[in-house]
Amino acid sequence: YNINFGDNVCRRNAILSEAQERFFAEELVAH
């Protein structure tokens, strides 16, 4: 859609932060 995801670091971090929390929690459960 001609949008650069890396151009807005604050927006990128906000979107990725939920994934960070979820992925780390899921990995802890897997271990």
PDB file of all heavy atoms in Angstrom:
ATOM      1  N   TYR A   1       0.822  -1.209   0.000  1.00  0.00           N
ATOM      2  CA  TYR A   1       0.000   0.000   0.000  1.00  0.00           C
ATOM      3  C   TYR A   1       0.857   1.260   0.000  1.00  0.00           C
ATOM      4  O   TYR A   1       0.393   2.338   0.345  1.00  0.00           O
ATOM      5  CB  TYR A   1      -0.944  -0.019   1.212  1.00  0.00           C
ATOM      6  CG  TYR A   1      -1.895  -1.189   1.152  1.00  0.00           C
ATOM      7  CD1 TYR A   1      -1.579  -2.392   1.775  1.00  0.00           C
ATOM      8  CD2 TYR A   1      -3.080  -1.104   0.429  1.00  0.00           C
ATOM      9  CE1 TYR A   1      -2.439  -3.480   1.696  1.00  0.00           C
ATOM     10  CE2 TYR A   1      -3.934  -2.187   0.347  1.00  0.00           C
ATOM     11  CZ  TYR A   1      -3.611  -3.372   0.974  1.00  0.00           C
ATOM     12  OH  TYR A   1      -4.451  -4.448   0.894  1.00  0.00           O
ATOM     13  N   ASN A   2       2.127   1.086  -0.358  1.00  0.00           N
ATOM     14  CA  ASN A   2       3.088   2.186  -0.459  1.00  0.00           C
ATOM     15  C   ASN A   2       3.282   2.900   0.881  1.00  0.00           C
ATOM     16  O   ASN A   2       3.411   4.121   0.938  1.00  0.00           O
ATOM     17  CB  ASN A   2       2.674   3.165  -1.552  1.00  0.00           C
ATOM     18  CG  ASN A   2       3.851   4.004  -2.016  1.00  0.00           C
ATOM     19  OD1 ASN A   2       4.995   3.553  -1.974  1.00  0.00           O
ATOM     20  ND2 ASN A   2       3.580   5.219  -2.461  1.00  0.00           N
ATOM     21  N   ILE A   3       3.276   2.120   1.970  1.00  0.00           N
ATOM     22  CA  ILE A   3       3.536   2.647   3.305  1.00  0.00           C
ATOM     23  C   ILE A   3       4.795   1.974   3.825  1.00  0.00           C
ATOM     24  O   ILE A   3       4.922   0.757   3.772  1.00  0.00           O
ATOM     25  CB  ILE A   3       2.364   2.363   4.266  1.00  0.00           C
ATOM     26  CG1 ILE A   3       1.074   3.003   3.736  1.00  0.00           C
ATOM     27  CG2 ILE A   3       2.676   2.844   5.675  1.00  0.00           C
ATOM     28  CD1 ILE A   3      -0.176   2.573   4.487  1.00  0.00           C
ATOM     29  N   ASN A   4       5.726   2.780   4.329  1.00  0.00           N
ATOM     30  CA  ASN A   4       6.966   2.245   4.878  1.00  0.00           C
ATOM     31  C   ASN A   4       6.792   2.040   6.376  1.00  0.00           C
ATOM     32  O   ASN A   4       6.692   3.002   7.139  1.00  0.00           O
ATOM     33  CB  ASN A   4       8.130   3.198   4.590  1.00  0.00           C
ATOM     34  CG  ASN A   4       9.464   2.627   5.027  1.00  0.00           C
ATOM     35  OD1 ASN A   4       9.551   1.846   5.979  1.00  0.00           O
ATOM     36  ND2 ASN A   4      10.499   3.014   4.320  1.00  0.00           N
ATOM     37  N   PHE A   5       6.741   0.781   6.798  1.00  0.00           N
ATOM     38  CA  PHE A   5       6.502   0.442   8.202  1.00  0.00           C
ATOM     39  C   PHE A   5       7.594   0.994   9.113  1.00  0.00           C
ATOM     40  O   PHE A   5       7.337   1.331  10.260  1.00  0.00           O
ATOM     41  CB  PHE A   5       6.397  -1.079   8.346  1.00  0.00           C
ATOM     42  CG  PHE A   5       5.992  -1.559   9.704  1.00  0.00           C
ATOM     43  CD1 PHE A   5       4.881  -1.042  10.350  1.00  0.00           C
ATOM     44  CD2 PHE A   5       6.702  -2.555  10.339  1.00  0.00           C
ATOM     45  CE1 PHE A   5       4.495  -1.502  11.600  1.00  0.00           C
ATOM     46  CE2 PHE A   5       6.333  -3.022  11.590  1.00  0.00           C
ATOM     47  CZ  PHE A   5       5.216  -2.495  12.217  1.00  0.00           C
ATOM     48  N   GLY A   6       8.810   1.127   8.616  1.00  0.00           N
ATOM     49  CA  GLY A   6       9.922   1.603   9.424  1.00  0.00           C
ATOM     50  C   GLY A   6      10.016   3.111   9.543  1.00  0.00           C
ATOM     51  O   GLY A   6      10.814   3.621  10.335  1.00  0.00           O
ATOM     52  N   ASP A   7       9.221   3.854   8.778  1.00  0.00           N
ATOM     53  CA  ASP A   7       9.316   5.316   8.802  1.00  0.00           C
ATOM     54  C   ASP A   7       8.863   5.925  10.127  1.00  0.00           C
ATOM     55  O   ASP A   7       9.363   6.960  10.533  1.00  0.00           O
ATOM     56  CB  ASP A   7       8.481   5.938   7.674  1.00  0.00           C
ATOM     57  CG  ASP A   7       9.236   5.985   6.354  1.00  0.00           C
ATOM     58  OD1 ASP A   7      10.443   5.675   6.336  1.00  0.00           O
ATOM     59  OD2 ASP A   7       8.604   6.328   5.338  1.00  0.00           O
ATOM     60  N   ASN A   8       7.902   5.327  10.777  1.00  0.00           N
ATOM     61  CA  ASN A   8       7.377   5.868  12.022  1.00  0.00           C
ATOM     62  C   ASN A   8       7.733   4.892  13.149  1.00  0.00           C
ATOM     63  O   ASN A   8       7.020   3.933  13.411  1.00  0.00           O
ATOM     64  CB  ASN A   8       5.855   6.059  11.925  1.00  0.00           C
ATOM     65  CG  ASN A   8       5.292   6.768  13.136  1.00  0.00           C
ATOM     66  OD1 ASN A   8       5.760   6.588  14.253  1.00  0.00           O
ATOM     67  ND2 ASN A   8       4.250   7.558  12.902  1.00  0.00           N
ATOM     68  N   VAL A   9       8.864   5.150  13.799  1.00  0.00           N
ATOM     69  CA  VAL A   9       9.387   4.238  14.813  1.00  0.00           C
ATOM     70  C   VAL A   9       8.418   4.083  15.979  1.00  0.00           C
ATOM     71  O   VAL A   9       8.227   2.973  16.493  1.00  0.00           O
ATOM     72  CB  VAL A   9      10.779   4.707  15.303  1.00  0.00           C
ATOM     73  CG1 VAL A   9      11.273   3.848  16.445  1.00  0.00           C
ATOM     74  CG2 VAL A   9      11.775   4.675  14.158  1.00  0.00           C
ATOM     75  N   CYS A  10       7.780   5.155  16.398  1.00  0.00           N
ATOM     76  CA  CYS A  10       6.841   5.074  17.525  1.00  0.00           C
ATOM     77  C   CYS A  10       5.665   4.163  17.178  1.00  0.00           C
ATOM     78  O   CYS A  10       5.261   3.320  17.989  1.00  0.00           O
ATOM     79  CB  CYS A  10       6.337   6.453  17.913  1.00  0.00           C
ATOM     80  SG  CYS A  10       7.626   7.489  18.640  1.00  0.00           S
ATOM     81  N   ARG A  11       5.110   4.310  15.999  1.00  0.00           N
ATOM     82  CA  ARG A  11       3.989   3.465  15.578  1.00  0.00           C
ATOM     83  C   ARG A  11       4.447   2.017  15.447  1.00  0.00           C
ATOM     84  O   ARG A  11       3.769   1.092  15.895  1.00  0.00           O
ATOM     85  CB  ARG A  11       3.406   3.955  14.256  1.00  0.00           C
ATOM     86  CG  ARG A  11       2.204   3.117  13.818  1.00  0.00           C
ATOM     87  CD  ARG A  11       1.499   3.725  12.628  1.00  0.00           C
ATOM     88  NE  ARG A  11       0.923   5.007  13.032  1.00  0.00           N
ATOM     89  CZ  ARG A  11       0.921   6.085  12.244  1.00  0.00           C
ATOM     90  NH1 ARG A  11       1.433   6.056  11.048  1.00  0.00           N
ATOM     91  NH2 ARG A  11       0.392   7.210  12.672  1.00  0.00           N
ATOM     92  N   ARG A  12       5.612   1.807  14.861  1.00  0.00           N
ATOM     93  CA  ARG A  12       6.155   0.460  14.700  1.00  0.00           C
ATOM     94  C   ARG A  12       6.338  -0.212  16.064  1.00  0.00           C
ATOM     95  O   ARG A  12       5.936  -1.357  16.269  1.00  0.00           O
ATOM     96  CB  ARG A  12       7.491   0.509  13.957  1.00  0.00           C
ATOM     97  CG  ARG A  12       8.148  -0.831  13.782  1.00  0.00           C
ATOM     98  CD  ARG A  12       9.518  -0.646  13.088  1.00  0.00           C
ATOM     99  NE  ARG A  12      10.287  -1.839  13.240  1.00  0.00           N
ATOM    100  CZ  ARG A  12      11.096  -2.105  14.277  1.00  0.00           C
ATOM    101  NH1 ARG A  12      11.229  -1.237  15.249  1.00  0.00           N
ATOM    102  NH2 ARG A  12      11.757  -3.222  14.340  1.00  0.00           N
ATOM    103  N   ASN A  13       6.938   0.505  17.007  1.00  0.00           N
ATOM    104  CA  ASN A  13       7.151  -0.058  18.332  1.00  0.00           C
ATOM    105  C   ASN A  13       5.830  -0.374  19.031  1.00  0.00           C
ATOM    106  O   ASN A  13       5.715  -1.386  19.722  1.00  0.00           O
ATOM    107  CB  ASN A  13       7.997   0.876  19.191  1.00  0.00           C
ATOM    108  CG  ASN A  13       9.457   0.841  18.799  1.00  0.00           C
ATOM    109  OD1 ASN A  13       9.875   0.063  17.951  1.00  0.00           O
ATOM    110  ND2 ASN A  13      10.240   1.698  19.411  1.00  0.00           N
ATOM    111  N   ALA A  14       4.832   0.495  18.860  1.00  0.00           N
ATOM    112  CA  ALA A  14       3.533   0.255  19.478  1.00  0.00           C
ATOM    113  C   ALA A  14       2.904  -1.029  18.931  1.00  0.00           C
ATOM    114  O   ALA A  14       2.344  -1.825  19.689  1.00  0.00           O
ATOM    115  CB  ALA A  14       2.605   1.447  19.244  1.00  0.00           C
ATOM    116  N   ILE A  15       3.015  -1.242  17.640  1.00  0.00           N
ATOM    117  CA  ILE A  15       2.436  -2.439  17.029  1.00  0.00           C
ATOM    118  C   ILE A  15       3.233  -3.683  17.423  1.00  0.00           C
ATOM    119  O   ILE A  15       2.655  -4.724  17.742  1.00  0.00           O
ATOM    120  CB  ILE A  15       2.367  -2.288  15.496  1.00  0.00           C
ATOM    121  CG1 ILE A  15       1.325  -1.208  15.146  1.00  0.00           C
ATOM    122  CG2 ILE A  15       2.032  -3.605  14.824  1.00  0.00           C
ATOM    123  CD1 ILE A  15       1.324  -0.796  13.696  1.00  0.00           C
ATOM    124  N   LEU A  16       4.544  -3.577  17.435  1.00  0.00           N
ATOM    125  CA  LEU A  16       5.375  -4.738  17.751  1.00  0.00           C
ATOM    126  C   LEU A  16       5.396  -5.081  19.241  1.00  0.00           C
ATOM    127  O   LEU A  16       5.693  -6.224  19.609  1.00  0.00           O
ATOM    128  CB  LEU A  16       6.803  -4.524  17.259  1.00  0.00           C
ATOM    129  CG  LEU A  16       6.999  -4.496  15.748  1.00  0.00           C
ATOM    130  CD1 LEU A  16       8.460  -4.236  15.410  1.00  0.00           C
ATOM    131  CD2 LEU A  16       6.537  -5.791  15.112  1.00  0.00           C
ATOM    132  N   SER A  17       5.068  -4.126  20.101  1.00  0.00           N
ATOM    133  CA  SER A  17       5.169  -4.397  21.538  1.00  0.00           C
ATOM    134  C   SER A  17       4.190  -5.476  21.989  1.00  0.00           C
ATOM    135  O   SER A  17       4.529  -6.311  22.837  1.00  0.00           O
ATOM    136  CB  SER A  17       4.990  -3.117  22.356  1.00  0.00           C
ATOM    137  OG  SER A  17       3.686  -2.622  22.218  1.00  0.00           O
ATOM    138  N   GLU A  18       2.989  -5.499  21.446  1.00  0.00           N
ATOM    139  CA  GLU A  18       2.043  -6.553  21.829  1.00  0.00           C
ATOM    140  C   GLU A  18       2.551  -7.917  21.373  1.00  0.00           C
ATOM    141  O   GLU A  18       2.449  -8.905  22.104  1.00  0.00           O
ATOM    142  CB  GLU A  18       0.654  -6.303  21.267  1.00  0.00           C
ATOM    143  CG  GLU A  18      -0.338  -7.355  21.747  1.00  0.00           C
ATOM    144  CD  GLU A  18      -1.771  -7.104  21.320  1.00  0.00           C
ATOM    145  OE1 GLU A  18      -2.055  -6.075  20.693  1.00  0.00           O
ATOM    146  OE2 GLU A  18      -2.611  -7.962  21.643  1.00  0.00           O
ATOM    147  N   ALA A  19       3.115  -7.969  20.177  1.00  0.00           N
ATOM    148  CA  ALA A  19       3.688  -9.229  19.696  1.00  0.00           C
ATOM    149  C   ALA A  19       4.834  -9.674  20.603  1.00  0.00           C
ATOM    150  O   ALA A  19       4.963 -10.860  20.919  1.00  0.00           O
ATOM    151  CB  ALA A  19       4.171  -9.081  18.257  1.00  0.00           C
ATOM    152  N   GLN A  20       5.659  -8.731  21.044  1.00  0.00           N
ATOM    153  CA  GLN A  20       6.764  -9.064  21.943  1.00  0.00           C
ATOM    154  C   GLN A  20       6.241  -9.732  23.208  1.00  0.00           C
ATOM    155  O   GLN A  20       6.727 -10.789  23.616  1.00  0.00           O
ATOM    156  CB  GLN A  20       7.550  -7.801  22.295  1.00  0.00           C
ATOM    157  CG  GLN A  20       8.667  -8.038  23.291  1.00  0.00           C
ATOM    158  CD  GLN A  20       9.275  -6.743  23.792  1.00  0.00           C
ATOM    159  OE1 GLN A  20       8.589  -5.734  23.933  1.00  0.00           O
ATOM    160  NE2 GLN A  20      10.551  -6.767  24.062  1.00  0.00           N
ATOM    161  N   GLU A  21       5.252  -9.130  23.828  1.00  0.00           N
ATOM    162  CA  GLU A  21       4.689  -9.670  25.064  1.00  0.00           C
ATOM    163  C   GLU A  21       4.096 -11.054  24.829  1.00  0.00           C
ATOM    164  O   GLU A  21       4.359 -11.996  25.583  1.00  0.00           O
ATOM    165  CB  GLU A  21       3.609  -8.719  25.601  1.00  0.00           C
ATOM    166  CG  GLU A  21       4.154  -7.377  26.001  1.00  0.00           C
ATOM    167  CD  GLU A  21       3.100  -6.285  26.091  1.00  0.00           C
ATOM    168  OE1 GLU A  21       1.882  -6.627  26.077  1.00  0.00           O
ATOM    169  OE2 GLU A  21       3.475  -5.104  26.175  1.00  0.00           O
ATOM    170  N   ARG A  22       3.313 -11.187  23.780  1.00  0.00           N
ATOM    171  CA  ARG A  22       2.652 -12.459  23.475  1.00  0.00           C
ATOM    172  C   ARG A  22       3.669 -13.543  23.129  1.00  0.00           C
ATOM    173  O   ARG A  22       3.588 -14.662  23.630  1.00  0.00           O
ATOM    174  CB  ARG A  22       1.674 -12.264  22.313  1.00  0.00           C
ATOM    175  CG  ARG A  22       0.946 -13.551  21.923  1.00  0.00           C
ATOM    176  CD  ARG A  22      -0.063 -13.276  20.834  1.00  0.00           C
ATOM    177  NE  ARG A  22      -0.975 -12.227  21.216  1.00  0.00           N
ATOM    178  CZ  ARG A  22      -2.165 -12.435  21.776  1.00  0.00           C
ATOM    179  NH1 ARG A  22      -2.559 -13.654  22.014  1.00  0.00           N
ATOM    180  NH2 ARG A  22      -2.943 -11.428  22.082  1.00  0.00           N
ATOM    181  N   PHE A  23       4.631 -13.220  22.259  1.00  0.00           N
ATOM    182  CA  PHE A  23       5.589 -14.235  21.820  1.00  0.00           C
ATOM    183  C   PHE A  23       6.481 -14.701  22.968  1.00  0.00           C
ATOM    184  O   PHE A  23       6.781 -15.889  23.089  1.00  0.00           O
ATOM    185  CB  PHE A  23       6.441 -13.723  20.659  1.00  0.00           C
ATOM    186  CG  PHE A  23       5.662 -13.447  19.391  1.00  0.00           C
ATOM    187  CD1 PHE A  23       6.220 -12.675  18.390  1.00  0.00           C
ATOM    188  CD2 PHE A  23       4.376 -13.923  19.203  1.00  0.00           C
ATOM    189  CE1 PHE A  23       5.528 -12.412  17.209  1.00  0.00           C
ATOM    190  CE2 PHE A  23       3.664 -13.663  18.040  1.00  0.00           C
ATOM    191  CZ  PHE A  23       4.246 -12.907  17.036  1.00  0.00           C
ATOM    192  N   PHE A  24       6.900 -13.780  23.830  1.00  0.00           N
ATOM    193  CA  PHE A  24       7.711 -14.190  24.982  1.00  0.00           C
ATOM    194  C   PHE A  24       6.883 -15.045  25.940  1.00  0.00           C
ATOM    195  O   PHE A  24       7.370 -16.063  26.437  1.00  0.00           O
ATOM    196  CB  PHE A  24       8.324 -12.983  25.692  1.00  0.00           C
ATOM    197  CG  PHE A  24       9.672 -12.595  25.154  1.00  0.00           C
ATOM    198  CD1 PHE A  24       9.786 -11.708  24.104  1.00  0.00           C
ATOM    199  CD2 PHE A  24      10.831 -13.139  25.693  1.00  0.00           C
ATOM    200  CE1 PHE A  24      11.029 -11.357  23.589  1.00  0.00           C
ATOM    201  CE2 PHE A  24      12.075 -12.796  25.189  1.00  0.00           C
ATOM    202  CZ  PHE A  24      12.175 -11.906  24.136  1.00  0.00           C
ATOM    203  N   ALA A  25       5.632 -14.669  26.202  1.00  0.00           N
ATOM    204  CA  ALA A  25       4.783 -15.471  27.087  1.00  0.00           C
ATOM    205  C   ALA A  25       4.550 -16.864  26.501  1.00  0.00           C
ATOM    206  O   ALA A  25       4.629 -17.869  27.217  1.00  0.00           O
ATOM    207  CB  ALA A  25       3.451 -14.761  27.330  1.00  0.00           C
ATOM    208  N   GLU A  26       4.306 -16.935  25.202  1.00  0.00           N
ATOM    209  CA  GLU A  26       4.093 -18.228  24.566  1.00  0.00           C
ATOM    210  C   GLU A  26       5.344 -19.100  24.613  1.00  0.00           C
ATOM    211  O   GLU A  26       5.256 -20.318  24.792  1.00  0.00           O
ATOM    212  CB  GLU A  26       3.620 -18.039  23.120  1.00  0.00           C
ATOM    213  CG  GLU A  26       2.195 -17.511  23.041  1.00  0.00           C
ATOM    214  CD  GLU A  26       1.761 -17.141  21.632  1.00  0.00           C
ATOM    215  OE1 GLU A  26       2.594 -17.197  20.684  1.00  0.00           O
ATOM    216  OE2 GLU A  26       0.575 -16.776  21.466  1.00  0.00           O
ATOM    217  N   GLU A  27       6.508 -18.490  24.459  1.00  0.00           N
ATOM    218  CA  GLU A  27       7.752 -19.256  24.553  1.00  0.00           C
ATOM    219  C   GLU A  27       7.991 -19.750  25.975  1.00  0.00           C
ATOM    220  O   GLU A  27       8.476 -20.857  26.181  1.00  0.00           O
ATOM    221  CB  GLU A  27       8.943 -18.428  24.069  1.00  0.00           C
ATOM    222  CG  GLU A  27       9.014 -18.277  22.569  1.00  0.00           C
ATOM    223  CD  GLU A  27       9.148 -19.607  21.838  1.00  0.00           C
ATOM    224  OE1 GLU A  27       9.855 -20.515  22.334  1.00  0.00           O
ATOM    225  OE2 GLU A  27       8.545 -19.744  20.758  1.00  0.00           O
ATOM    226  N   LEU A  28       7.657 -18.929  26.963  1.00  0.00           N
ATOM    227  CA  LEU A  28       7.781 -19.374  28.355  1.00  0.00           C
ATOM    228  C   LEU A  28       6.889 -20.591  28.598  1.00  0.00           C
ATOM    229  O   LEU A  28       7.318 -21.585  29.194  1.00  0.00           O
ATOM    230  CB  LEU A  28       7.422 -18.241  29.317  1.00  0.00           C
ATOM    231  CG  LEU A  28       8.444 -17.108  29.414  1.00  0.00           C
ATOM    232  CD1 LEU A  28       7.863 -15.933  30.187  1.00  0.00           C
ATOM    233  CD2 LEU A  28       9.733 -17.588  30.041  1.00  0.00           C
ATOM    234  N   VAL A  29       5.656 -20.529  28.120  1.00  0.00           N
ATOM    235  CA  VAL A  29       4.725 -21.653  28.276  1.00  0.00           C
ATOM    236  C   VAL A  29       5.277 -22.891  27.571  1.00  0.00           C
ATOM    237  O   VAL A  29       5.231 -23.998  28.120  1.00  0.00           O
ATOM    238  CB  VAL A  29       3.324 -21.280  27.747  1.00  0.00           C
ATOM    239  CG1 VAL A  29       2.427 -22.503  27.656  1.00  0.00           C
ATOM    240  CG2 VAL A  29       2.690 -20.208  28.631  1.00  0.00           C
ATOM    241  N   ALA A  30       5.822 -22.716  26.378  1.00  0.00           N
ATOM    242  CA  ALA A  30       6.397 -23.845  25.641  1.00  0.00           C
ATOM    243  C   ALA A  30       7.573 -24.476  26.385  1.00  0.00           C
ATOM    244  O   ALA A  30       7.893 -25.646  26.150  1.00  0.00           O
ATOM    245  CB  ALA A  30       6.844 -23.385  24.249  1.00  0.00           C
ATOM    246  N   HIS A  31       8.196 -23.724  27.282  1.00  0.00           N
ATOM    247  CA  HIS A  31       9.318 -24.225  28.075  1.00  0.00           C
ATOM    248  C   HIS A  31       8.899 -24.594  29.506  1.00  0.00           C
ATOM    249  O   HIS A  31       9.728 -24.672  30.401  1.00  0.00           O
ATOM    250  CB  HIS A  31      10.463 -23.203  28.077  1.00  0.00           C
ATOM    251  CG  HIS A  31      11.200 -23.165  26.789  1.00  0.00           C
ATOM    252  ND1 HIS A  31      10.738 -22.498  25.677  1.00  0.00           N
ATOM    253  CD2 HIS A  31      12.365 -23.753  26.430  1.00  0.00           C
ATOM    254  CE1 HIS A  31      11.590 -22.675  24.687  1.00  0.00           C
ATOM    255  NE2 HIS A  31      12.581 -23.432  25.110  1.00  0.00           N
TER     256      HIS A  31
END
